[in-house]
């Protein structure tokens, strides 16, 4: 299901269709697949294949983060930092960015350096 969603997302051997990609990722995510959860979070954040919904983006990113996805942790940290889909909370932002950085997330490491915060 996830791979079919990816194929629709990029138009790999089929016509690109963001709505179909989201449909297949949702099925994979509901089955517990972390990468699909991450992709749904990004799709909701960007409004790609679904109506933009920042709260839904955070919801799916949190599910992916629970599975250990460092990129999802970064996205949650940035959501808290910017107050997108959650209340602005610098302490929560740093907490999630640190989790991502410790999980190997280079974007989080760079963000923490820019903020002058150790990880």
PDB file of N, CA and C in Angstrom:
ATOM      1  N   UNK A   1       0.818  -1.190   0.000  1.00  0.00           N
ATOM      2  CA  UNK A   1       0.000   0.000   0.000  1.00  0.00           C
ATOM      3  C   UNK A   1       0.870   1.267   0.000  1.00  0.00           C
ATOM      4  N   UNK A   2       1.892   1.249   0.869  1.00  0.00           N
ATOM      5  CA  UNK A   2       2.782   2.404   0.930  1.00  0.00           C
ATOM      6  C   UNK A   2       3.454   2.634  -0.422  1.00  0.00           C
ATOM      7  N   UNK A   3       3.985   1.574  -1.013  1.00  0.00           N
ATOM      8  CA  UNK A   3       4.686   1.702  -2.293  1.00  0.00           C
ATOM      9  C   UNK A   3       3.768   2.185  -3.401  1.00  0.00           C
ATOM     10  N   UNK A   4       2.525   1.734  -3.380  1.00  0.00           N
ATOM     11  CA  UNK A   4       1.575   2.206  -4.382  1.00  0.00           C
ATOM     12  C   UNK A   4       1.322   3.705  -4.183  1.00  0.00           C
ATOM     13  N   UNK A   5       1.206   4.119  -2.936  1.00  0.00           N
ATOM     14  CA  UNK A   5       1.073   5.546  -2.648  1.00  0.00           C
ATOM     15  C   UNK A   5       2.257   6.335  -3.163  1.00  0.00           C
ATOM     16  N   UNK A   6       3.458   5.797  -2.960  1.00  0.00           N
ATOM     17  CA  UNK A   6       4.668   6.459  -3.460  1.00  0.00           C
ATOM     18  C   UNK A   6       4.624   6.581  -4.979  1.00  0.00           C
ATOM     19  N   UNK A   7       4.200   5.504  -5.638  1.00  0.00           N
ATOM     20  CA  UNK A   7       4.129   5.531  -7.101  1.00  0.00           C
ATOM     21  C   UNK A   7       3.175   6.609  -7.580  1.00  0.00           C
ATOM     22  N   UNK A   8       2.013   6.725  -6.927  1.00  0.00           N
ATOM     23  CA  UNK A   8       1.067   7.782  -7.292  1.00  0.00           C
ATOM     24  C   UNK A   8       1.644   9.164  -6.990  1.00  0.00           C
ATOM     25  N   UNK A   9       2.387   9.282  -5.914  1.00  0.00           N
ATOM     26  CA  UNK A   9       2.934  10.589  -5.517  1.00  0.00           C
ATOM     27  C   UNK A   9       3.919  11.131  -6.544  1.00  0.00           C
ATOM     28  N   UNK A  10       4.725  10.248  -7.107  1.00  0.00           N
ATOM     29  CA  UNK A  10       5.764  10.710  -8.033  1.00  0.00           C
ATOM     30  C   UNK A  10       5.463  10.403  -9.497  1.00  0.00           C
ATOM     31  N   UNK A  11       4.388   9.661  -9.749  1.00  0.00           N
ATOM     32  CA  UNK A  11       4.057   9.310 -11.128  1.00  0.00           C
ATOM     33  C   UNK A  11       4.982   8.258 -11.689  1.00  0.00           C
ATOM     34  N   UNK A  12       5.349   7.297 -10.861  1.00  0.00           N
ATOM     35  CA  UNK A  12       6.265   6.227 -11.243  1.00  0.00           C
ATOM     36  C   UNK A  12       5.485   5.102 -11.930  1.00  0.00           C
ATOM     37  N   UNK A  13       5.547   5.039 -13.246  1.00  0.00           N
ATOM     38  CA  UNK A  13       4.859   4.049 -14.085  1.00  0.00           C
ATOM     39  C   UNK A  13       3.338   4.177 -14.061  1.00  0.00           C
ATOM     40  N   UNK A  14       2.818   5.198 -13.391  1.00  0.00           N
ATOM     41  CA  UNK A  14       1.389   5.516 -13.421  1.00  0.00           C
ATOM     42  C   UNK A  14       1.264   7.036 -13.390  1.00  0.00           C
ATOM     43  N   UNK A  15       0.078   7.518 -13.736  1.00  0.00           N
ATOM     44  CA  UNK A  15      -0.124   8.964 -13.728  1.00  0.00           C
ATOM     45  C   UNK A  15      -0.054   9.498 -12.304  1.00  0.00           C
ATOM     46  N   UNK A  16       0.679  10.579 -12.120  1.00  0.00           N
ATOM     47  CA  UNK A  16       0.806  11.192 -10.796  1.00  0.00           C
ATOM     48  C   UNK A  16      -0.569  11.645 -10.318  1.00  0.00           C
ATOM     49  N   UNK A  17      -0.899  11.307  -9.072  1.00  0.00           N
ATOM     50  CA  UNK A  17      -2.198  11.645  -8.502  1.00  0.00           C
ATOM     51  C   UNK A  17      -2.041  11.727  -6.982  1.00  0.00           C
ATOM     52  N   UNK A  18      -1.952  12.938  -6.470  1.00  0.00           N
ATOM     53  CA  UNK A  18      -1.721  13.146  -5.040  1.00  0.00           C
ATOM     54  C   UNK A  18      -2.856  12.605  -4.175  1.00  0.00           C
ATOM     55  N   UNK A  19      -4.085  12.717  -4.654  1.00  0.00           N
ATOM     56  CA  UNK A  19      -5.220  12.198  -3.877  1.00  0.00           C
ATOM     57  C   UNK A  19      -5.148  10.680  -3.751  1.00  0.00           C
ATOM     58  N   UNK A  20      -4.771  10.005  -4.820  1.00  0.00           N
ATOM     59  CA  UNK A  20      -4.609   8.544  -4.758  1.00  0.00           C
ATOM     60  C   UNK A  20      -3.451   8.176  -3.834  1.00  0.00           C
ATOM     61  N   UNK A  21      -2.389   8.956  -3.892  1.00  0.00           N
ATOM     62  CA  UNK A  21      -1.248   8.699  -3.006  1.00  0.00           C
ATOM     63  C   UNK A  21      -1.698   8.753  -1.558  1.00  0.00           C
ATOM     64  N   UNK A  22      -2.445   9.792  -1.195  1.00  0.00           N
ATOM     65  CA  UNK A  22      -2.927   9.944   0.175  1.00  0.00           C
ATOM     66  C   UNK A  22      -3.836   8.782   0.556  1.00  0.00           C
ATOM     67  N   UNK A  23      -4.671   8.360  -0.362  1.00  0.00           N
ATOM     68  CA  UNK A  23      -5.584   7.236  -0.084  1.00  0.00           C
ATOM     69  C   UNK A  23      -4.796   5.983   0.307  1.00  0.00           C
ATOM     70  N   UNK A  24      -3.766   5.676  -0.454  1.00  0.00           N
ATOM     71  CA  UNK A  24      -2.982   4.465  -0.188  1.00  0.00           C
ATOM     72  C   UNK A  24      -2.104   4.625   1.050  1.00  0.00           C
ATOM     73  N   UNK A  25      -1.553   5.825   1.233  1.00  0.00           N
ATOM     74  CA  UNK A  25      -0.759   6.047   2.451  1.00  0.00           C
ATOM     75  C   UNK A  25      -1.629   5.916   3.687  1.00  0.00           C
ATOM     76  N   UNK A  26      -2.868   6.414   3.610  1.00  0.00           N
ATOM     77  CA  UNK A  26      -3.777   6.319   4.763  1.00  0.00           C
ATOM     78  C   UNK A  26      -4.013   4.851   5.133  1.00  0.00           C
ATOM     79  N   UNK A  27      -4.234   4.022   4.122  1.00  0.00           N
ATOM     80  CA  UNK A  27      -4.442   2.595   4.399  1.00  0.00           C
ATOM     81  C   UNK A  27      -3.210   1.987   5.060  1.00  0.00           C
ATOM     82  N   UNK A  28      -2.034   2.315   4.551  1.00  0.00           N
ATOM     83  CA  UNK A  28      -0.795   1.797   5.129  1.00  0.00           C
ATOM     84  C   UNK A  28      -0.590   2.346   6.542  1.00  0.00           C
ATOM     85  N   UNK A  29      -0.882   3.633   6.736  1.00  0.00           N
ATOM     86  CA  UNK A  29      -0.715   4.262   8.048  1.00  0.00           C
ATOM     87  C   UNK A  29      -1.663   3.636   9.075  1.00  0.00           C
ATOM     88  N   UNK A  30      -2.885   3.408   8.668  1.00  0.00           N
ATOM     89  CA  UNK A  30      -3.844   2.799   9.587  1.00  0.00           C
ATOM     90  C   UNK A  30      -3.456   1.369   9.923  1.00  0.00           C
ATOM     91  N   UNK A  31      -2.643   0.770   9.073  1.00  0.00           N
ATOM     92  CA  UNK A  31      -2.105  -0.558   9.341  1.00  0.00           C
ATOM     93  C   UNK A  31      -0.829  -0.519  10.171  1.00  0.00           C
ATOM     94  N   UNK A  32      -0.397   0.695  10.561  1.00  0.00           N
ATOM     95  CA  UNK A  32       0.744   0.826  11.449  1.00  0.00           C
ATOM     96  C   UNK A  32       2.068   1.131  10.779  1.00  0.00           C
ATOM     97  N   UNK A  33       2.066   1.459   9.493  1.00  0.00           N
ATOM     98  CA  UNK A  33       3.314   1.707   8.775  1.00  0.00           C
ATOM     99  C   UNK A  33       3.778   3.141   9.001  1.00  0.00           C
ATOM    100  N   UNK A  34       4.887   3.299   9.688  1.00  0.00           N
ATOM    101  CA  UNK A  34       5.389   4.607  10.118  1.00  0.00           C
ATOM    102  C   UNK A  34       5.709   5.547   8.956  1.00  0.00           C
ATOM    103  N   UNK A  35       6.315   5.046   7.894  1.00  0.00           N
ATOM    104  CA  UNK A  35       6.655   5.909   6.757  1.00  0.00           C
ATOM    105  C   UNK A  35       5.400   6.511   6.125  1.00  0.00           C
ATOM    106  N   UNK A  36       4.328   5.754   6.104  1.00  0.00           N
ATOM    107  CA  UNK A  36       3.070   6.266   5.562  1.00  0.00           C
ATOM    108  C   UNK A  36       2.494   7.345   6.484  1.00  0.00           C
ATOM    109  N   UNK A  37       2.649   7.159   7.786  1.00  0.00           N
ATOM    110  CA  UNK A  37       2.206   8.176   8.746  1.00  0.00           C
ATOM    111  C   UNK A  37       2.951   9.480   8.510  1.00  0.00           C
ATOM    112  N   UNK A  38       4.263   9.366   8.324  1.00  0.00           N
ATOM    113  CA  UNK A  38       5.080  10.550   8.051  1.00  0.00           C
ATOM    114  C   UNK A  38       4.591  11.247   6.787  1.00  0.00           C
ATOM    115  N   UNK A  39       4.383  10.481   5.719  1.00  0.00           N
ATOM    116  CA  UNK A  39       3.947  11.078   4.452  1.00  0.00           C
ATOM    117  C   UNK A  39       2.587  11.752   4.579  1.00  0.00           C
ATOM    118  N   UNK A  40       1.694  11.159   5.372  1.00  0.00           N
ATOM    119  CA  UNK A  40       0.395  11.806   5.588  1.00  0.00           C
ATOM    120  C   UNK A  40       0.569  13.129   6.319  1.00  0.00           C
ATOM    121  N   UNK A  41       1.458  13.143   7.304  1.00  0.00           N
ATOM    122  CA  UNK A  41       1.726  14.391   8.008  1.00  0.00           C
ATOM    123  C   UNK A  41       2.206  15.477   7.055  1.00  0.00           C
ATOM    124  N   UNK A  42       3.099  15.123   6.165  1.00  0.00           N
ATOM    125  CA  UNK A  42       3.619  16.088   5.189  1.00  0.00           C
ATOM    126  C   UNK A  42       2.508  16.516   4.227  1.00  0.00           C
ATOM    127  N   UNK A  43       1.708  15.560   3.774  1.00  0.00           N
ATOM    128  CA  UNK A  43       0.619  15.882   2.844  1.00  0.00           C
ATOM    129  C   UNK A  43      -0.366  16.861   3.484  1.00  0.00           C
ATOM    130  N   UNK A  44      -0.733  16.615   4.735  1.00  0.00           N
ATOM    131  CA  UNK A  44      -1.648  17.537   5.416  1.00  0.00           C
ATOM    132  C   UNK A  44      -0.996  18.894   5.663  1.00  0.00           C
ATOM    133  N   UNK A  45       0.274  18.902   5.962  1.00  0.00           N
ATOM    134  CA  UNK A  45       0.962  20.176   6.186  1.00  0.00           C
ATOM    135  C   UNK A  45       0.983  21.013   4.909  1.00  0.00           C
ATOM    136  N   UNK A  46       1.260  20.371   3.791  1.00  0.00           N
ATOM    137  CA  UNK A  46       1.392  21.072   2.513  1.00  0.00           C
ATOM    138  C   UNK A  46       0.086  21.216   1.747  1.00  0.00           C
ATOM    139  N   UNK A  47      -0.960  20.491   2.171  1.00  0.00           N
ATOM    140  CA  UNK A  47      -2.204  20.504   1.399  1.00  0.00           C
ATOM    141  C   UNK A  47      -2.041  19.811   0.063  1.00  0.00           C
ATOM    142  N   UNK A  48      -1.277  18.737   0.057  1.00  0.00           N
ATOM    143  CA  UNK A  48      -0.980  18.002  -1.172  1.00  0.00           C
ATOM    144  C   UNK A  48      -1.801  16.723  -1.217  1.00  0.00           C
ATOM    145  N   UNK A  49      -2.878  16.737  -2.010  1.00  0.00           N
ATOM    146  CA  UNK A  49      -3.762  15.573  -2.118  1.00  0.00           C
ATOM    147  C   UNK A  49      -4.888  15.588  -1.105  1.00  0.00           C
ATOM    148  N   UNK A  50      -4.807  16.513  -0.165  1.00  0.00           N
ATOM    149  CA  UNK A  50      -5.849  16.724   0.845  1.00  0.00           C
ATOM    150  C   UNK A  50      -5.895  18.221   1.144  1.00  0.00           C
ATOM    151  N   UNK A  51      -6.969  18.647   1.763  1.00  0.00           N
ATOM    152  CA  UNK A  51      -7.031  20.041   2.197  1.00  0.00           C
ATOM    153  C   UNK A  51      -6.021  20.245   3.316  1.00  0.00           C
ATOM    154  N   UNK A  52      -5.295  21.345   3.261  1.00  0.00           N
ATOM    155  CA  UNK A  52      -4.308  21.609   4.297  1.00  0.00           C
ATOM    156  C   UNK A  52      -4.992  21.634   5.663  1.00  0.00           C
ATOM    157  N   UNK A  53      -4.380  20.914   6.619  1.00  0.00           N
ATOM    158  CA  UNK A  53      -4.903  20.844   7.969  1.00  0.00           C
ATOM    159  C   UNK A  53      -3.709  20.616   8.899  1.00  0.00           C
ATOM    160  N   UNK A  54      -3.259  21.669   9.539  1.00  0.00           N
ATOM    161  CA  UNK A  54      -2.046  21.582  10.341  1.00  0.00           C
ATOM    162  C   UNK A  54      -2.215  20.717  11.582  1.00  0.00           C
ATOM    163  N   UNK A  55      -3.415  20.681  12.144  1.00  0.00           N
ATOM    164  CA  UNK A  55      -3.652  19.804  13.292  1.00  0.00           C
ATOM    165  C   UNK A  55      -3.532  18.333  12.879  1.00  0.00           C
ATOM    166  N   UNK A  56      -4.067  18.015  11.719  1.00  0.00           N
ATOM    167  CA  UNK A  56      -3.970  16.644  11.194  1.00  0.00           C
ATOM    168  C   UNK A  56      -2.525  16.311  10.869  1.00  0.00           C
ATOM    169  N   UNK A  57      -1.788  17.290  10.371  1.00  0.00           N
ATOM    170  CA  UNK A  57      -0.366  17.086  10.076  1.00  0.00           C
ATOM    171  C   UNK A  57       0.382  16.702  11.346  1.00  0.00           C
ATOM    172  N   UNK A  58       0.128  17.412  12.432  1.00  0.00           N
ATOM    173  CA  UNK A  58       0.790  17.107  13.701  1.00  0.00           C
ATOM    174  C   UNK A  58       0.360  15.733  14.210  1.00  0.00           C
ATOM    175  N   UNK A  59      -0.908  15.421  14.076  1.00  0.00           N
ATOM    176  CA  UNK A  59      -1.416  14.117  14.540  1.00  0.00           C
ATOM    177  C   UNK A  59      -0.660  12.967  13.876  1.00  0.00           C
ATOM    178  N   UNK A  60      -0.523  13.022  12.557  1.00  0.00           N
ATOM    179  CA  UNK A  60       0.159  11.944  11.844  1.00  0.00           C
ATOM    180  C   UNK A  60       1.660  11.964  12.101  1.00  0.00           C
ATOM    181  N   UNK A  61       2.219  13.151  12.248  1.00  0.00           N
ATOM    182  CA  UNK A  61       3.648  13.240  12.566  1.00  0.00           C
ATOM    183  C   UNK A  61       3.935  12.641  13.945  1.00  0.00           C
ATOM    184  N   UNK A  62       3.050  12.883  14.897  1.00  0.00           N
ATOM    185  CA  UNK A  62       3.225  12.292  16.230  1.00  0.00           C
ATOM    186  C   UNK A  62       3.201  10.767  16.167  1.00  0.00           C
ATOM    187  N   UNK A  63       2.293  10.237  15.358  1.00  0.00           N
ATOM    188  CA  UNK A  63       2.226   8.770  15.225  1.00  0.00           C
ATOM    189  C   UNK A  63       3.519   8.225  14.626  1.00  0.00           C
ATOM    190  N   UNK A  64       4.042   8.925  13.626  1.00  0.00           N
ATOM    191  CA  UNK A  64       5.298   8.485  13.017  1.00  0.00           C
ATOM    192  C   UNK A  64       6.450   8.628  14.008  1.00  0.00           C
ATOM    193  N   UNK A  65       6.444   9.703  14.778  1.00  0.00           N
ATOM    194  CA  UNK A  65       7.498   9.925  15.771  1.00  0.00           C
ATOM    195  C   UNK A  65       7.494   8.832  16.831  1.00  0.00           C
ATOM    196  N   UNK A  66       6.320   8.368  17.210  1.00  0.00           N
ATOM    197  CA  UNK A  66       6.226   7.278  18.178  1.00  0.00           C
ATOM    198  C   UNK A  66       6.903   6.019  17.650  1.00  0.00           C
ATOM    199  N   UNK A  67       6.965   5.883  16.334  1.00  0.00           N
ATOM    200  CA  UNK A  67       7.646   4.763  15.706  1.00  0.00           C
ATOM    201  C   UNK A  67       9.138   5.014  15.525  1.00  0.00           C
ATOM    202  N   UNK A  68       9.630   6.156  16.018  1.00  0.00           N
ATOM    203  CA  UNK A  68      11.053   6.447  15.963  1.00  0.00           C
ATOM    204  C   UNK A  68      11.510   7.256  14.765  1.00  0.00           C
ATOM    205  N   UNK A  69      10.595   7.816  14.001  1.00  0.00           N
ATOM    206  CA  UNK A  69      10.960   8.568  12.795  1.00  0.00           C
ATOM    207  C   UNK A  69      11.533   9.938  13.166  1.00  0.00           C
ATOM    208  N   UNK A  70      12.844  10.117  12.956  1.00  0.00           N
ATOM    209  CA  UNK A  70      13.523  11.368  13.322  1.00  0.00           C
ATOM    210  C   UNK A  70      13.012  12.557  12.513  1.00  0.00           C
ATOM    211  N   UNK A  71      12.644  12.339  11.253  1.00  0.00           N
ATOM    212  CA  UNK A  71      12.122  13.433  10.440  1.00  0.00           C
ATOM    213  C   UNK A  71      10.770  13.906  10.963  1.00  0.00           C
ATOM    214  N   UNK A  72       9.952  12.979  11.419  1.00  0.00           N
ATOM    215  CA  UNK A  72       8.657  13.347  12.006  1.00  0.00           C
ATOM    216  C   UNK A  72       8.876  14.132  13.299  1.00  0.00           C
ATOM    217  N   UNK A  73       9.859  13.722  14.093  1.00  0.00           N
ATOM    218  CA  UNK A  73      10.178  14.450  15.324  1.00  0.00           C
ATOM    219  C   UNK A  73      10.592  15.880  15.002  1.00  0.00           C
ATOM    220  N   UNK A  74      11.395  16.033  13.958  1.00  0.00           N
ATOM    221  CA  UNK A  74      11.794  17.371  13.508  1.00  0.00           C
ATOM    222  C   UNK A  74      10.565  18.190  13.130  1.00  0.00           C
ATOM    223  N   UNK A  75       9.663  17.604  12.352  1.00  0.00           N
ATOM    224  CA  UNK A  75       8.460  18.324  11.926  1.00  0.00           C
ATOM    225  C   UNK A  75       7.624  18.765  13.122  1.00  0.00           C
ATOM    226  N   UNK A  76       7.545  17.923  14.145  1.00  0.00           N
ATOM    227  CA  UNK A  76       6.797  18.294  15.350  1.00  0.00           C
ATOM    228  C   UNK A  76       7.497  19.451  16.054  1.00  0.00           C
ATOM    229  N   UNK A  77       8.813  19.363  16.157  1.00  0.00           N
ATOM    230  CA  UNK A  77       9.561  20.455  16.776  1.00  0.00           C
ATOM    231  C   UNK A  77       9.333  21.777  16.072  1.00  0.00           C
ATOM    232  N   UNK A  78       9.364  21.746  14.761  1.00  0.00           N
ATOM    233  CA  UNK A  78       9.139  22.969  13.977  1.00  0.00           C
ATOM    234  C   UNK A  78       7.699  23.448  14.139  1.00  0.00           C
ATOM    235  N   UNK A  79       6.750  22.509  14.213  1.00  0.00           N
ATOM    236  CA  UNK A  79       5.345  22.893  14.426  1.00  0.00           C
ATOM    237  C   UNK A  79       5.204  23.651  15.747  1.00  0.00           C
ATOM    238  N   UNK A  80       5.831  23.135  16.803  1.00  0.00           N
ATOM    239  CA  UNK A  80       5.779  23.835  18.092  1.00  0.00           C
ATOM    240  C   UNK A  80       6.514  25.180  18.019  1.00  0.00           C
ATOM    241  N   UNK A  81       7.620  25.215  17.349  1.00  0.00           N
ATOM    242  CA  UNK A  81       8.393  26.453  17.245  1.00  0.00           C
ATOM    243  C   UNK A  81       7.596  27.547  16.531  1.00  0.00           C
ATOM    244  N   UNK A  82       6.880  27.159  15.471  1.00  0.00           N
ATOM    245  CA  UNK A  82       6.108  28.119  14.682  1.00  0.00           C
ATOM    246  C   UNK A  82       4.660  28.257  15.128  1.00  0.00           C
ATOM    247  N   UNK A  83       4.201  27.373  16.023  1.00  0.00           N
ATOM    248  CA  UNK A  83       2.801  27.399  16.431  1.00  0.00           C
ATOM    249  C   UNK A  83       1.865  26.986  15.313  1.00  0.00           C
ATOM    250  N   UNK A  84       2.260  25.966  14.553  1.00  0.00           N
ATOM    251  CA  UNK A  84       1.455  25.484  13.418  1.00  0.00           C
ATOM    252  C   UNK A  84       0.801  24.154  13.775  1.00  0.00           C
ATOM    253  N   UNK A  85      -0.497  24.188  14.016  1.00  0.00           N
ATOM    254  CA  UNK A  85      -1.232  22.969  14.348  1.00  0.00           C
ATOM    255  C   UNK A  85      -1.210  22.649  15.831  1.00  0.00           C
ATOM    256  N   UNK A  86      -0.369  23.355  16.561  1.00  0.00           N
ATOM    257  CA  UNK A  86      -0.259  23.260  18.022  1.00  0.00           C
ATOM    258  C   UNK A  86       0.057  24.664  18.521  1.00  0.00           C
ATOM    259  N   UNK A  87      -0.083  24.867  19.812  1.00  0.00           N
ATOM    260  CA  UNK A  87       0.291  26.163  20.364  1.00  0.00           C
ATOM    261  C   UNK A  87       1.796  26.361  20.292  1.00  0.00           C
ATOM    262  N   UNK A  88       2.212  27.590  20.100  1.00  0.00           N
ATOM    263  CA  UNK A  88       3.645  27.892  20.069  1.00  0.00           C
ATOM    264  C   UNK A  88       4.217  27.589  21.446  1.00  0.00           C
ATOM    265  N   UNK A  89       5.274  26.776  21.455  1.00  0.00           N
ATOM    266  CA  UNK A  89       5.864  26.356  22.729  1.00  0.00           C
ATOM    267  C   UNK A  89       7.340  26.035  22.478  1.00  0.00           C
ATOM    268  N   UNK A  90       8.208  26.972  22.847  1.00  0.00           N
ATOM    269  CA  UNK A  90       9.636  26.797  22.582  1.00  0.00           C
ATOM    270  C   UNK A  90      10.227  25.608  23.324  1.00  0.00           C
ATOM    271  N   UNK A  91       9.757  25.334  24.546  1.00  0.00           N
ATOM    272  CA  UNK A  91      10.269  24.180  25.300  1.00  0.00           C
ATOM    273  C   UNK A  91       9.929  22.872  24.595  1.00  0.00           C
ATOM    274  N   UNK A  92       8.688  22.740  24.120  1.00  0.00           N
ATOM    275  CA  UNK A  92       8.287  21.534  23.377  1.00  0.00           C
ATOM    276  C   UNK A  92       9.053  21.443  22.067  1.00  0.00           C
ATOM    277  N   UNK A  93       9.266  22.584  21.422  1.00  0.00           N
ATOM    278  CA  UNK A  93      10.024  22.598  20.167  1.00  0.00           C
ATOM    279  C   UNK A  93      11.419  22.036  20.386  1.00  0.00           C
ATOM    280  N   UNK A  94      12.092  22.520  21.409  1.00  0.00           N
ATOM    281  CA  UNK A  94      13.454  22.057  21.687  1.00  0.00           C
ATOM    282  C   UNK A  94      13.441  20.582  22.065  1.00  0.00           C
ATOM    283  N   UNK A  95      12.461  20.157  22.846  1.00  0.00           N
ATOM    284  CA  UNK A  95      12.365  18.745  23.238  1.00  0.00           C
ATOM    285  C   UNK A  95      12.303  17.841  22.009  1.00  0.00           C
ATOM    286  N   UNK A  96      11.423  18.188  21.055  1.00  0.00           N
ATOM    287  CA  UNK A  96      11.266  17.363  19.856  1.00  0.00           C
ATOM    288  C   UNK A  96      12.472  17.471  18.933  1.00  0.00           C
ATOM    289  N   UNK A  97      13.038  18.652  18.819  1.00  0.00           N
ATOM    290  CA  UNK A  97      14.233  18.802  17.991  1.00  0.00           C
ATOM    291  C   UNK A  97      15.393  17.993  18.566  1.00  0.00           C
ATOM    292  N   UNK A  98      15.517  17.967  19.875  1.00  0.00           N
ATOM    293  CA  UNK A  98      16.569  17.155  20.503  1.00  0.00           C
ATOM    294  C   UNK A  98      16.350  15.668  20.232  1.00  0.00           C
ATOM    295  N   UNK A  99      15.103  15.225  20.343  1.00  0.00           N
ATOM    296  CA  UNK A  99      14.810  13.813  20.051  1.00  0.00           C
ATOM    297  C   UNK A  99      15.209  13.478  18.625  1.00  0.00           C
ATOM    298  N   UNK A 100      14.878  14.368  17.714  1.00  0.00           N
ATOM    299  CA  UNK A 100      15.225  14.139  16.309  1.00  0.00           C
ATOM    300  C   UNK A 100      16.733  14.131  16.125  1.00  0.00           C
ATOM    301  N   UNK A 101      17.408  15.105  16.726  1.00  0.00           N
ATOM    302  CA  UNK A 101      18.866  15.198  16.594  1.00  0.00           C
ATOM    303  C   UNK A 101      19.541  13.947  17.137  1.00  0.00           C
ATOM    304  N   UNK A 102      19.080  13.469  18.271  1.00  0.00           N
ATOM    305  CA  UNK A 102      19.655  12.259  18.868  1.00  0.00           C
ATOM    306  C   UNK A 102      19.368  11.023  18.025  1.00  0.00           C
ATOM    307  N   UNK A 103      18.272  11.091  17.231  1.00  0.00           N
ATOM    308  CA  UNK A 103      17.932  10.001  16.326  1.00  0.00           C
ATOM    309  C   UNK A 103      18.639  10.106  14.993  1.00  0.00           C
ATOM    310  N   UNK A 104      19.525  11.095  14.874  1.00  0.00           N
ATOM    311  CA  UNK A 104      20.303  11.242  13.649  1.00  0.00           C
ATOM    312  C   UNK A 104      19.751  12.243  12.665  1.00  0.00           C
ATOM    313  N   UNK A 105      18.762  13.026  13.071  1.00  0.00           N
ATOM    314  CA  UNK A 105      18.153  13.994  12.159  1.00  0.00           C
ATOM    315  C   UNK A 105      19.028  15.207  11.923  1.00  0.00           C
ATOM    316  N   UNK A 106      19.651  15.330  10.738  1.00  0.00           N
ATOM    317  CA  UNK A 106      20.558  16.458  10.484  1.00  0.00           C
ATOM    318  C   UNK A 106      19.852  17.808  10.473  1.00  0.00           C
ATOM    319  N   UNK A 107      18.600  17.851  10.041  1.00  0.00           N
ATOM    320  CA  UNK A 107      17.870  19.130  10.037  1.00  0.00           C
ATOM    321  C   UNK A 107      17.662  19.625  11.455  1.00  0.00           C
ATOM    322  N   UNK A 108      17.362  18.705  12.365  1.00  0.00           N
ATOM    323  CA  UNK A 108      17.167  19.080  13.767  1.00  0.00           C
ATOM    324  C   UNK A 108      18.481  19.525  14.381  1.00  0.00           C
ATOM    325  N   UNK A 109      19.548  18.848  14.041  1.00  0.00           N
ATOM    326  CA  UNK A 109      20.859  19.240  14.560  1.00  0.00           C
ATOM    327  C   UNK A 109      21.187  20.666  14.123  1.00  0.00           C
ATOM    328  N   UNK A 110      20.934  20.958  12.862  1.00  0.00           N
ATOM    329  CA  UNK A 110      21.202  22.302  12.337  1.00  0.00           C
ATOM    330  C   UNK A 110      20.294  23.337  12.996  1.00  0.00           C
ATOM    331  N   UNK A 111      19.022  22.992  13.190  1.00  0.00           N
ATOM    332  CA  UNK A 111      18.073  23.926  13.815  1.00  0.00           C
ATOM    333  C   UNK A 111      18.505  24.233  15.247  1.00  0.00           C
ATOM    334  N   UNK A 112      18.937  23.216  15.981  1.00  0.00           N
ATOM    335  CA  UNK A 112      19.368  23.439  17.359  1.00  0.00           C
ATOM    336  C   UNK A 112      20.631  24.300  17.405  1.00  0.00           C
ATOM    337  N   UNK A 113      21.557  24.057  16.484  1.00  0.00           N
ATOM    338  CA  UNK A 113      22.757  24.913  16.416  1.00  0.00           C
ATOM    339  C   UNK A 113      22.365  26.356  16.153  1.00  0.00           C
ATOM    340  N   UNK A 114      21.421  26.550  15.228  1.00  0.00           N
ATOM    341  CA  UNK A 114      20.981  27.890  14.880  1.00  0.00           C
ATOM    342  C   UNK A 114      20.312  28.572  16.081  1.00  0.00           C
ATOM    343  N   UNK A 115      19.612  27.793  16.895  1.00  0.00           N
ATOM    344  CA  UNK A 115      18.966  28.333  18.084  1.00  0.00           C
ATOM    345  C   UNK A 115      19.941  28.497  19.249  1.00  0.00           C
ATOM    346  N   UNK A 116      21.145  27.973  19.093  1.00  0.00           N
ATOM    347  CA  UNK A 116      22.141  28.043  20.150  1.00  0.00           C
ATOM    348  C   UNK A 116      21.856  27.099  21.298  1.00  0.00           C
ATOM    349  N   UNK A 117      21.237  25.968  20.969  1.00  0.00           N
ATOM    350  CA  UNK A 117      20.846  24.980  21.981  1.00  0.00           C
ATOM    351  C   UNK A 117      21.635  23.705  21.754  1.00  0.00           C
ATOM    352  N   UNK A 118      22.173  23.144  22.824  1.00  0.00           N
ATOM    353  CA  UNK A 118      22.900  21.876  22.685  1.00  0.00           C
ATOM    354  C   UNK A 118      21.913  20.734  22.529  1.00  0.00           C
ATOM    355  N   UNK A 119      22.412  19.665  21.958  1.00  0.00           N
ATOM    356  CA  UNK A 119      21.572  18.479  21.800  1.00  0.00           C
ATOM    357  C   UNK A 119      22.284  17.290  22.337  1.00  0.00           C
TER     358      UNK A 119
END
